[in-house]
Each structure stands twice: as C-alpha cells, then as structure tokens.
N, C-alpha and C. Protein backbone atom coordinates (compact mmCIF):
# COMPACT_ATOMS: atom_id res chain seq x y z
N MET A 1 20.87 155.58 -104.10
CA MET A 1 19.90 154.52 -104.10
C MET A 1 19.87 153.88 -102.92
N GLU A 2 21.22 153.47 -102.72
CA GLU A 2 21.52 152.41 -101.51
C GLU A 2 21.30 152.96 -100.41
N SER A 3 21.89 154.31 -100.23
CA SER A 3 21.69 155.12 -99.01
C SER A 3 20.57 155.25 -98.55
N ILE A 4 19.83 155.88 -99.42
CA ILE A 4 18.21 155.81 -98.98
C ILE A 4 17.71 154.75 -98.64
N PHE A 5 17.68 153.62 -98.91
CA PHE A 5 17.26 152.17 -98.58
C PHE A 5 18.15 151.94 -97.28
N LEU A 6 19.07 152.25 -96.95
CA LEU A 6 19.70 152.18 -95.82
C LEU A 6 19.65 153.08 -94.57
N PHE A 7 18.92 154.12 -95.35
CA PHE A 7 18.12 155.36 -94.08
C PHE A 7 16.86 154.83 -93.88
N GLY A 8 16.34 154.51 -94.80
CA GLY A 8 15.12 153.76 -94.28
C GLY A 8 14.83 152.93 -93.55
N LEU A 9 15.96 151.88 -93.57
CA LEU A 9 16.16 150.65 -92.53
C LEU A 9 16.41 150.93 -91.48
N THR A 10 17.18 151.96 -91.06
CA THR A 10 17.80 152.37 -89.78
C THR A 10 16.47 152.95 -89.40
N ILE A 11 16.01 154.22 -90.17
CA ILE A 11 14.73 154.56 -89.24
C ILE A 11 13.38 153.54 -88.90
N ALA A 12 13.05 152.63 -89.95
CA ALA A 12 12.18 151.51 -88.93
C ALA A 12 12.69 151.15 -87.85
N PHE A 13 14.08 150.14 -87.87
CA PHE A 13 14.80 149.56 -86.76
C PHE A 13 14.72 150.52 -85.74
N LEU A 14 15.01 152.36 -85.63
CA LEU A 14 14.87 152.76 -84.57
C LEU A 14 13.09 153.16 -84.14
N VAL A 15 12.34 152.88 -84.60
CA VAL A 15 10.96 153.12 -84.59
C VAL A 15 10.53 152.12 -83.81
N GLU A 16 11.06 150.68 -84.32
CA GLU A 16 10.73 149.54 -83.93
C GLU A 16 11.36 149.34 -82.47
N SER A 17 12.05 149.66 -82.39
CA SER A 17 13.04 149.75 -80.89
C SER A 17 12.23 150.38 -79.87
N PHE A 18 11.72 151.81 -80.44
CA PHE A 18 11.31 152.12 -79.58
C PHE A 18 9.68 151.81 -78.91
N TYR A 19 8.97 151.13 -79.85
CA TYR A 19 7.75 150.17 -79.74
C TYR A 19 8.21 149.11 -78.95
N GLU A 20 8.91 148.46 -79.28
CA GLU A 20 9.27 147.11 -78.44
C GLU A 20 9.59 147.55 -77.13
N THR A 21 10.59 148.47 -76.60
CA THR A 21 10.51 149.29 -75.37
C THR A 21 9.71 149.30 -74.48
N ARG A 22 8.49 150.27 -75.07
CA ARG A 22 7.19 150.44 -74.72
C ARG A 22 6.42 148.90 -74.32
N LEU A 23 6.47 148.25 -74.99
CA LEU A 23 5.90 146.84 -75.01
C LEU A 23 6.44 145.91 -73.91
N TYR A 24 7.83 145.87 -74.07
CA TYR A 24 8.74 145.27 -72.96
C TYR A 24 8.15 146.07 -71.85
N MET A 25 8.11 146.92 -71.39
CA MET A 25 7.97 147.80 -70.12
C MET A 25 6.43 147.64 -69.61
N LEU A 26 5.59 147.62 -70.66
CA LEU A 26 4.11 147.06 -70.27
C LEU A 26 4.04 145.83 -69.75
N PHE A 27 4.81 144.75 -70.01
CA PHE A 27 4.68 143.27 -70.14
C PHE A 27 5.06 143.25 -68.55
N GLN A 28 6.29 144.05 -68.30
CA GLN A 28 7.08 144.12 -67.03
C GLN A 28 6.07 144.38 -66.08
N VAL A 29 5.32 145.64 -66.45
CA VAL A 29 3.94 146.16 -65.45
C VAL A 29 3.40 144.81 -65.11
N LEU A 30 2.74 144.26 -66.17
CA LEU A 30 1.70 143.16 -66.03
C LEU A 30 2.22 142.25 -65.32
N VAL A 31 3.23 141.68 -65.52
CA VAL A 31 3.87 140.60 -64.97
C VAL A 31 4.07 141.20 -63.11
N GLN A 32 4.39 142.11 -63.24
CA GLN A 32 4.84 142.43 -61.44
C GLN A 32 3.42 142.74 -60.78
N ARG A 33 2.57 143.62 -61.28
CA ARG A 33 1.38 143.47 -60.55
C ARG A 33 0.51 142.54 -60.73
N PHE A 34 0.00 141.86 -61.83
CA PHE A 34 -0.92 140.43 -61.97
C PHE A 34 0.27 139.26 -61.67
N PRO A 35 0.31 138.75 -60.70
CA PRO A 35 1.12 137.08 -61.07
C PRO A 35 0.62 136.09 -62.03
N GLN A 36 -0.77 136.17 -61.88
CA GLN A 36 -1.32 134.90 -63.44
C GLN A 36 -0.77 135.05 -64.60
N PHE A 37 -0.31 136.32 -65.20
CA PHE A 37 0.50 136.20 -66.42
C PHE A 37 1.90 135.72 -66.62
N VAL A 38 2.62 135.33 -65.11
CA VAL A 38 3.81 134.69 -65.03
C VAL A 38 3.45 133.21 -65.62
N GLN A 39 2.39 132.61 -65.44
CA GLN A 39 2.25 131.55 -66.26
C GLN A 39 1.62 131.36 -67.66
N ASN A 40 1.52 132.73 -68.38
CA ASN A 40 1.68 132.83 -69.71
C ASN A 40 2.62 132.32 -70.56
N ARG A 41 2.95 131.22 -71.33
CA ARG A 41 4.34 130.89 -71.79
C ARG A 41 4.69 131.53 -72.82
N ARG A 42 3.73 131.72 -73.19
CA ARG A 42 4.12 132.87 -74.44
C ARG A 42 4.98 134.40 -74.11
N LEU A 43 4.29 134.64 -72.96
CA LEU A 43 4.59 136.16 -72.44
C LEU A 43 6.09 135.97 -72.20
N THR A 44 6.27 134.43 -71.21
CA THR A 44 7.31 134.65 -70.40
C THR A 44 8.51 134.53 -71.61
N ARG A 45 8.12 133.29 -72.39
CA ARG A 45 9.14 132.98 -73.85
C ARG A 45 9.42 134.29 -74.37
N ILE A 46 8.60 135.59 -75.01
CA ILE A 46 8.82 136.72 -75.56
C ILE A 46 9.68 137.41 -74.86
N MET A 47 9.56 137.61 -73.33
CA MET A 47 10.25 138.72 -72.44
C MET A 47 11.51 138.06 -72.76
N ARG A 48 11.79 136.76 -72.65
CA ARG A 48 13.40 135.98 -72.06
C ARG A 48 14.01 136.34 -73.87
N VAL A 49 12.89 136.02 -74.91
CA VAL A 49 14.12 136.47 -76.38
C VAL A 49 13.95 137.84 -76.54
N GLU A 50 13.29 138.78 -76.07
CA GLU A 50 13.40 140.22 -76.07
C GLU A 50 14.85 140.33 -75.34
N GLN A 51 15.04 140.14 -74.42
CA GLN A 51 16.21 140.28 -73.30
C GLN A 51 17.73 139.51 -74.04
N THR A 52 17.24 138.48 -74.74
CA THR A 52 18.32 138.09 -75.13
C THR A 52 18.69 138.99 -76.45
N TRP A 53 17.53 138.89 -77.47
CA TRP A 53 17.80 140.11 -78.70
C TRP A 53 17.96 141.45 -78.46
N ASN A 54 18.19 142.02 -77.37
CA ASN A 54 18.45 143.58 -76.57
C ASN A 54 20.19 143.38 -76.86
N TRP A 55 20.43 142.46 -76.10
CA TRP A 55 22.20 141.87 -76.21
C TRP A 55 22.50 141.86 -77.38
N LEU A 56 22.29 140.93 -78.18
CA LEU A 56 22.42 140.41 -79.48
C LEU A 56 22.50 141.95 -80.32
N SER A 57 21.19 142.44 -80.33
CA SER A 57 21.23 143.69 -81.54
C SER A 57 22.29 144.64 -80.94
N TRP A 58 22.91 144.78 -79.86
CA TRP A 58 23.96 145.69 -79.05
C TRP A 58 25.31 145.37 -80.20
N VAL A 59 25.62 143.75 -79.70
CA VAL A 59 26.49 143.69 -80.50
C VAL A 59 26.84 143.33 -81.57
N LEU A 60 25.49 143.38 -82.55
CA LEU A 60 25.42 143.36 -84.21
C LEU A 60 25.73 144.91 -84.49
N LEU A 61 24.75 145.80 -83.73
CA LEU A 61 25.07 147.35 -83.85
C LEU A 61 26.90 147.79 -84.00
N ILE A 62 27.44 146.73 -82.65
CA ILE A 62 28.73 147.50 -82.85
C ILE A 62 29.39 146.78 -83.95
N ALA A 63 29.03 145.81 -84.73
CA ALA A 63 29.86 144.88 -85.70
C ALA A 63 29.38 145.83 -86.86
N LEU A 64 28.18 146.50 -86.83
CA LEU A 64 28.09 147.02 -87.80
C LEU A 64 29.03 148.52 -87.99
N ILE A 65 29.79 148.98 -86.87
CA ILE A 65 30.42 150.20 -86.85
C ILE A 65 31.79 149.33 -87.18
N LEU A 66 31.94 148.08 -86.88
CA LEU A 66 33.59 147.78 -87.17
C LEU A 66 33.84 147.39 -88.39
N LEU A 67 32.73 146.46 -89.05
CA LEU A 67 33.17 145.85 -90.00
C LEU A 67 32.82 146.98 -91.19
N PRO A 68 33.82 146.40 -92.77
CA PRO A 68 33.67 147.61 -93.61
C PRO A 68 32.48 147.30 -94.26
N ASN A 69 32.36 148.60 -94.98
CA ASN A 69 31.08 148.93 -95.45
C ASN A 69 30.28 148.46 -96.54
N HIS A 70 30.77 147.19 -97.00
CA HIS A 70 29.91 146.33 -97.83
C HIS A 70 29.08 145.75 -97.21
N TYR A 71 29.28 145.15 -95.91
CA TYR A 71 28.47 144.40 -95.32
C TYR A 71 27.24 145.26 -94.74
N THR A 72 27.32 146.76 -94.51
CA THR A 72 26.53 147.38 -93.99
C THR A 72 24.88 147.30 -94.01
N ILE A 73 24.43 147.19 -95.47
CA ILE A 73 23.15 146.70 -95.88
C ILE A 73 22.91 145.24 -95.39
N LEU A 74 23.09 144.50 -95.84
CA LEU A 74 22.89 142.61 -95.28
C LEU A 74 22.94 143.26 -93.60
N LEU A 75 23.73 143.83 -93.02
CA LEU A 75 23.68 143.75 -91.27
C LEU A 75 22.46 144.43 -91.12
N ILE A 76 21.72 145.61 -91.63
CA ILE A 76 20.93 146.60 -91.18
C ILE A 76 20.02 145.61 -91.42
N SER A 77 20.08 145.01 -92.59
CA SER A 77 18.47 144.39 -92.84
C SER A 77 18.15 142.85 -92.22
N VAL A 78 19.30 142.52 -91.62
CA VAL A 78 19.03 141.31 -90.58
C VAL A 78 18.81 141.75 -89.32
N ILE A 79 19.27 142.98 -89.06
CA ILE A 79 18.59 143.72 -88.05
C ILE A 79 17.73 143.96 -87.80
N THR A 80 17.08 144.57 -88.50
CA THR A 80 15.78 145.13 -88.73
C THR A 80 14.64 143.88 -88.94
N LEU A 81 14.79 142.91 -89.71
CA LEU A 81 14.17 141.75 -89.61
C LEU A 81 13.68 141.05 -88.51
N ILE A 82 14.84 140.81 -87.95
CA ILE A 82 14.69 140.41 -87.01
C ILE A 82 14.19 141.27 -85.56
N GLU A 83 14.24 142.31 -85.82
CA GLU A 83 13.21 143.47 -84.72
C GLU A 83 11.97 143.72 -85.05
N THR A 84 11.43 143.34 -86.26
CA THR A 84 10.41 143.09 -86.73
C THR A 84 9.59 142.05 -86.36
N ILE A 85 10.09 140.79 -86.58
CA ILE A 85 9.48 139.58 -86.31
C ILE A 85 9.26 139.64 -84.60
N ILE A 86 10.23 140.18 -83.96
CA ILE A 86 10.08 139.83 -82.38
C ILE A 86 8.91 141.28 -82.10
N VAL A 87 8.75 142.17 -82.45
CA VAL A 87 7.83 143.49 -82.62
C VAL A 87 6.24 142.67 -83.07
N PHE A 88 6.29 142.16 -84.04
CA PHE A 88 4.98 141.66 -84.35
C PHE A 88 4.47 140.53 -83.22
N GLU A 89 5.42 139.63 -82.79
CA GLU A 89 5.14 138.47 -81.80
C GLU A 89 4.81 139.40 -80.33
N MET A 90 5.25 140.26 -80.15
CA MET A 90 5.13 140.96 -78.73
C MET A 90 3.08 141.91 -79.21
N ASP A 91 3.56 142.30 -80.00
CA ASP A 91 2.11 143.15 -80.25
C ASP A 91 1.02 142.08 -80.75
N ARG A 92 1.42 140.68 -80.94
CA ARG A 92 0.20 139.69 -80.75
C ARG A 92 -0.13 139.32 -79.65
N ILE A 93 1.02 138.91 -78.99
CA ILE A 93 0.76 138.57 -77.46
C ILE A 93 -0.38 139.92 -76.40
N LYS A 94 0.12 141.03 -76.55
CA LYS A 94 -0.29 141.82 -76.40
C LYS A 94 -2.04 142.11 -76.74
N SER A 95 -2.20 141.76 -77.75
CA SER A 95 -3.46 141.75 -78.52
C SER A 95 -4.23 140.60 -77.90
N GLN A 96 -3.81 140.14 -77.64
CA GLN A 96 -4.44 138.12 -76.82
C GLN A 96 -4.75 138.58 -75.37
N LEU A 97 -3.99 139.36 -75.07
CA LEU A 97 -3.96 139.81 -73.29
C LEU A 97 -5.07 140.92 -73.23
N ASN A 98 -5.55 141.94 -74.42
CA ASN A 98 -6.29 142.70 -74.18
C ASN A 98 -7.93 141.64 -74.58
N GLN A 99 -7.90 140.80 -75.35
CA GLN A 99 -9.19 139.81 -75.22
C GLN A 99 -9.38 139.71 -74.22
N PRO A 100 -11.19 139.75 -74.00
CA PRO A 100 -11.83 139.31 -72.85
C PRO A 100 -12.02 137.70 -73.03
N LYS A 101 -12.09 137.08 -72.01
CA LYS A 101 -11.96 135.79 -71.88
C LYS A 101 -13.43 135.15 -71.53
C-alpha cells in the first residue's frame, strides 16, 4: 500500500512539474513581449518563487536519493504539496491575466 501511495505522489509531482514548466515559459514570453506585465507584482513574485523552488526541489530530490527509505514518503509528500501550491498560484495568475479588464 505504501508503494502505491508513493508511486501516485511521484506521478502527481511529474505531471505538476510539466504543467509548471509550461506556465513558467508562458509567463516568460508574456514578460518579454509585453513589458507592462513586469509591473504585475504577483506575476514577478511567483516567477521569483518558481525559480527558487526549482533549485530547492532539485536539492530535495537529491536528498530523497541519499536519505534512508523511511524518509521517502515524508519528503515526496512535502515536495508534491509545495509543487501543488505553486502550480495553483501560477494557474490563478494565468486565469487573471486572461480575464478582460
């Protein structure tokens, strides 16, 4: 049962990582093509948070490999939770940018 839960969390993390990368690339294109988006505080903040999280997630994934197995579920749960929060925030910003003013 534990391995099924771990497998599910890992798949969720990979799917969210793919979607997060797509959103980040979209935001980068928007900022480059439309400089007025740079003044959007939430957009610049989430892009900074995403860059920091990208590095931190790699460190945590390496720690996942190096730490004993009984930390695996805790670490993958934390990684997936943080990834989910960041993706929800990025998706919310994308939705707000798509709404006509």
